[in-house]
Amino acid sequence: MKIEVYYDKKNEWYNSLFNYTNPEKGNKVEGSYVVREKNGELKIDIEKSRDVDPEEIRKSFKREACIHCK
C-alpha cells in the first residue's frame, strides 16, 4: 500500500492519495480524499474529495527527501 499525504496550507486540509494492489488477485484500488480537522478530529470531506485530481496534487507540491530533517 502506498499513501501520499500533501498538506494544503491555503485551505488548511490534507490531500491523501491511496494506492493498493492486491497481491493475490492483482486488482488495483486507488482513492483520493480531502481530510480536514473539525472539532479536534480529522474527518474526510466527501464533497471536496470528489474534486481531487491526484496528478495535479503531485505537481503542485515540492517533494522533499526527509520531512523530519529540518
N, C-alpha and C. Protein backbone atom coordinates (compact mmCIF):
# COMPACT_ATOMS: atom_id res chain seq x y z
N MET A 1 0.85 -1.17 0.00
CA MET A 1 0.00 0.00 0.00
C MET A 1 0.89 1.23 0.00
N LYS A 2 0.52 2.19 -0.83
CA LYS A 2 1.25 3.45 -0.90
C LYS A 2 0.29 4.56 -0.49
N ILE A 3 0.72 5.39 0.46
CA ILE A 3 -0.09 6.51 0.92
C ILE A 3 0.75 7.78 0.77
N GLU A 4 0.19 8.76 0.07
CA GLU A 4 0.84 10.06 -0.07
C GLU A 4 -0.06 11.09 0.60
N VAL A 5 0.53 11.95 1.43
CA VAL A 5 -0.25 12.98 2.11
C VAL A 5 0.41 14.33 1.82
N TYR A 6 -0.40 15.26 1.33
CA TYR A 6 0.06 16.60 1.00
C TYR A 6 -0.78 17.60 1.79
N TYR A 7 -0.11 18.45 2.57
CA TYR A 7 -0.84 19.45 3.35
C TYR A 7 -1.00 20.73 2.55
N ASP A 8 -2.22 21.17 2.39
CA ASP A 8 -2.55 22.39 1.67
C ASP A 8 -2.69 23.50 2.71
N LYS A 9 -1.67 24.35 2.85
CA LYS A 9 -1.67 25.41 3.86
C LYS A 9 -2.77 26.43 3.59
N LYS A 10 -3.00 26.73 2.32
CA LYS A 10 -4.00 27.73 1.95
C LYS A 10 -5.40 27.33 2.43
N ASN A 11 -5.78 26.09 2.19
CA ASN A 11 -7.11 25.61 2.56
C ASN A 11 -7.16 24.90 3.90
N GLU A 12 -5.99 24.69 4.50
CA GLU A 12 -5.86 24.01 5.79
C GLU A 12 -6.50 22.62 5.78
N TRP A 13 -6.09 21.81 4.78
CA TRP A 13 -6.55 20.43 4.73
C TRP A 13 -5.45 19.56 4.17
N TYR A 14 -5.64 18.25 4.30
CA TYR A 14 -4.68 17.27 3.80
C TYR A 14 -5.28 16.61 2.56
N ASN A 15 -4.48 16.52 1.51
CA ASN A 15 -4.85 15.74 0.33
C ASN A 15 -4.19 14.37 0.52
N SER A 16 -4.99 13.34 0.64
CA SER A 16 -4.49 11.99 0.90
C SER A 16 -4.75 11.11 -0.31
N LEU A 17 -3.69 10.54 -0.86
CA LEU A 17 -3.79 9.70 -2.05
C LEU A 17 -3.40 8.27 -1.67
N PHE A 18 -4.28 7.33 -1.95
CA PHE A 18 -4.05 5.92 -1.60
C PHE A 18 -3.95 5.08 -2.86
N ASN A 19 -3.04 4.11 -2.82
CA ASN A 19 -2.86 3.21 -3.94
C ASN A 19 -2.53 1.83 -3.38
N TYR A 20 -3.33 0.85 -3.74
CA TYR A 20 -3.13 -0.50 -3.22
C TYR A 20 -3.33 -1.52 -4.34
N THR A 21 -2.43 -2.47 -4.44
CA THR A 21 -2.57 -3.57 -5.38
C THR A 21 -2.67 -4.87 -4.57
N ASN A 22 -3.75 -5.59 -4.78
CA ASN A 22 -3.96 -6.86 -4.08
C ASN A 22 -2.98 -7.88 -4.64
N PRO A 23 -2.07 -8.41 -3.81
CA PRO A 23 -1.06 -9.35 -4.31
C PRO A 23 -1.64 -10.68 -4.77
N GLU A 24 -2.79 -11.06 -4.27
CA GLU A 24 -3.38 -12.34 -4.65
C GLU A 24 -4.17 -12.25 -5.95
N LYS A 25 -4.91 -11.19 -6.14
CA LYS A 25 -5.77 -11.07 -7.32
C LYS A 25 -5.24 -10.09 -8.35
N GLY A 26 -4.31 -9.23 -7.95
CA GLY A 26 -3.72 -8.28 -8.88
C GLY A 26 -4.58 -7.06 -9.16
N ASN A 27 -5.76 -6.97 -8.55
CA ASN A 27 -6.59 -5.79 -8.80
C ASN A 27 -6.04 -4.59 -8.03
N LYS A 28 -6.27 -3.41 -8.59
CA LYS A 28 -5.72 -2.19 -8.05
C LYS A 28 -6.84 -1.30 -7.51
N VAL A 29 -6.60 -0.73 -6.34
CA VAL A 29 -7.57 0.18 -5.73
C VAL A 29 -6.87 1.51 -5.50
N GLU A 30 -7.49 2.60 -5.99
CA GLU A 30 -6.93 3.93 -5.79
C GLU A 30 -8.01 4.82 -5.20
N GLY A 31 -7.60 5.72 -4.33
CA GLY A 31 -8.54 6.65 -3.73
C GLY A 31 -7.86 7.97 -3.43
N SER A 32 -8.63 9.04 -3.47
CA SER A 32 -8.13 10.37 -3.17
C SER A 32 -9.13 11.05 -2.24
N TYR A 33 -8.63 11.57 -1.14
CA TYR A 33 -9.52 12.15 -0.14
C TYR A 33 -8.98 13.46 0.39
N VAL A 34 -9.88 14.38 0.71
CA VAL A 34 -9.53 15.60 1.41
C VAL A 34 -9.88 15.36 2.87
N VAL A 35 -8.89 15.56 3.72
CA VAL A 35 -9.08 15.34 5.15
C VAL A 35 -8.83 16.67 5.85
N ARG A 36 -9.78 17.06 6.70
CA ARG A 36 -9.61 18.31 7.45
C ARG A 36 -9.95 18.10 8.91
N GLU A 37 -9.46 19.02 9.72
CA GLU A 37 -9.73 18.93 11.15
C GLU A 37 -11.04 19.64 11.47
N LYS A 38 -11.88 18.96 12.22
CA LYS A 38 -13.15 19.54 12.65
C LYS A 38 -13.41 19.10 14.08
N ASN A 39 -13.57 20.06 14.95
CA ASN A 39 -13.81 19.79 16.37
C ASN A 39 -12.73 18.90 16.98
N GLY A 40 -11.47 19.13 16.58
CA GLY A 40 -10.36 18.39 17.13
C GLY A 40 -10.16 17.00 16.56
N GLU A 41 -10.95 16.62 15.54
CA GLU A 41 -10.82 15.30 14.91
C GLU A 41 -10.58 15.47 13.41
N LEU A 42 -9.88 14.51 12.83
CA LEU A 42 -9.68 14.51 11.38
C LEU A 42 -10.87 13.81 10.73
N LYS A 43 -11.45 14.48 9.72
CA LYS A 43 -12.63 13.94 9.04
C LYS A 43 -12.45 14.06 7.54
N ILE A 44 -13.00 13.12 6.80
CA ILE A 44 -12.97 13.17 5.34
C ILE A 44 -14.07 14.09 4.86
N ASP A 45 -13.70 15.02 3.99
CA ASP A 45 -14.66 15.93 3.37
C ASP A 45 -15.08 15.29 2.04
N ILE A 46 -16.24 14.67 2.03
CA ILE A 46 -16.71 13.92 0.86
C ILE A 46 -16.88 14.84 -0.35
N GLU A 47 -17.47 16.02 -0.17
CA GLU A 47 -17.69 16.93 -1.29
C GLU A 47 -16.38 17.36 -1.94
N LYS A 48 -15.43 17.81 -1.16
CA LYS A 48 -14.14 18.25 -1.70
C LYS A 48 -13.34 17.09 -2.27
N SER A 49 -13.52 15.90 -1.73
CA SER A 49 -12.79 14.72 -2.22
C SER A 49 -13.16 14.39 -3.65
N ARG A 50 -14.37 14.73 -4.06
CA ARG A 50 -14.80 14.45 -5.45
C ARG A 50 -14.02 15.26 -6.47
N ASP A 51 -13.47 16.40 -6.05
CA ASP A 51 -12.75 17.29 -6.95
C ASP A 51 -11.25 17.04 -7.00
N VAL A 52 -10.76 16.07 -6.25
CA VAL A 52 -9.32 15.83 -6.17
C VAL A 52 -8.81 15.21 -7.47
N ASP A 53 -7.76 15.83 -8.02
CA ASP A 53 -7.05 15.29 -9.18
C ASP A 53 -5.65 14.92 -8.69
N PRO A 54 -5.38 13.63 -8.50
CA PRO A 54 -4.09 13.21 -7.93
C PRO A 54 -2.87 13.76 -8.67
N GLU A 55 -2.91 13.81 -9.99
CA GLU A 55 -1.76 14.31 -10.74
C GLU A 55 -1.54 15.79 -10.51
N GLU A 56 -2.60 16.56 -10.42
CA GLU A 56 -2.47 17.99 -10.12
C GLU A 56 -1.92 18.21 -8.72
N ILE A 57 -2.36 17.39 -7.78
CA ILE A 57 -1.84 17.50 -6.40
C ILE A 57 -0.34 17.23 -6.40
N ARG A 58 0.07 16.16 -7.05
CA ARG A 58 1.50 15.81 -7.07
C ARG A 58 2.34 16.91 -7.71
N LYS A 59 1.83 17.52 -8.78
CA LYS A 59 2.57 18.58 -9.48
C LYS A 59 2.67 19.86 -8.67
N SER A 60 1.67 20.14 -7.85
CA SER A 60 1.61 21.42 -7.16
C SER A 60 2.43 21.48 -5.87
N PHE A 61 2.98 20.36 -5.43
CA PHE A 61 3.76 20.34 -4.20
C PHE A 61 5.21 19.97 -4.48
N LYS A 62 6.11 20.61 -3.75
CA LYS A 62 7.52 20.29 -3.85
C LYS A 62 7.80 19.09 -2.95
N ARG A 63 8.44 18.07 -3.49
CA ARG A 63 8.74 16.88 -2.70
C ARG A 63 10.08 17.05 -1.99
N GLU A 64 10.15 16.53 -0.79
CA GLU A 64 11.38 16.56 -0.01
C GLU A 64 11.76 15.14 0.38
N ALA A 65 13.06 14.89 0.44
CA ALA A 65 13.53 13.56 0.76
C ALA A 65 13.24 13.19 2.22
N CYS A 66 13.28 14.16 3.09
CA CYS A 66 13.11 13.89 4.51
C CYS A 66 12.33 15.02 5.16
N ILE A 67 11.13 14.71 5.64
CA ILE A 67 10.31 15.77 6.25
C ILE A 67 10.67 16.02 7.70
N HIS A 68 11.41 15.13 8.33
CA HIS A 68 11.77 15.28 9.74
C HIS A 68 13.21 15.79 9.93
N CYS A 69 13.87 16.13 8.83
CA CYS A 69 15.26 16.54 8.92
C CYS A 69 15.46 18.01 9.27
N LYS A 70 14.43 18.82 9.19
CA LYS A 70 14.56 20.26 9.44
C LYS A 70 14.47 20.57 10.91
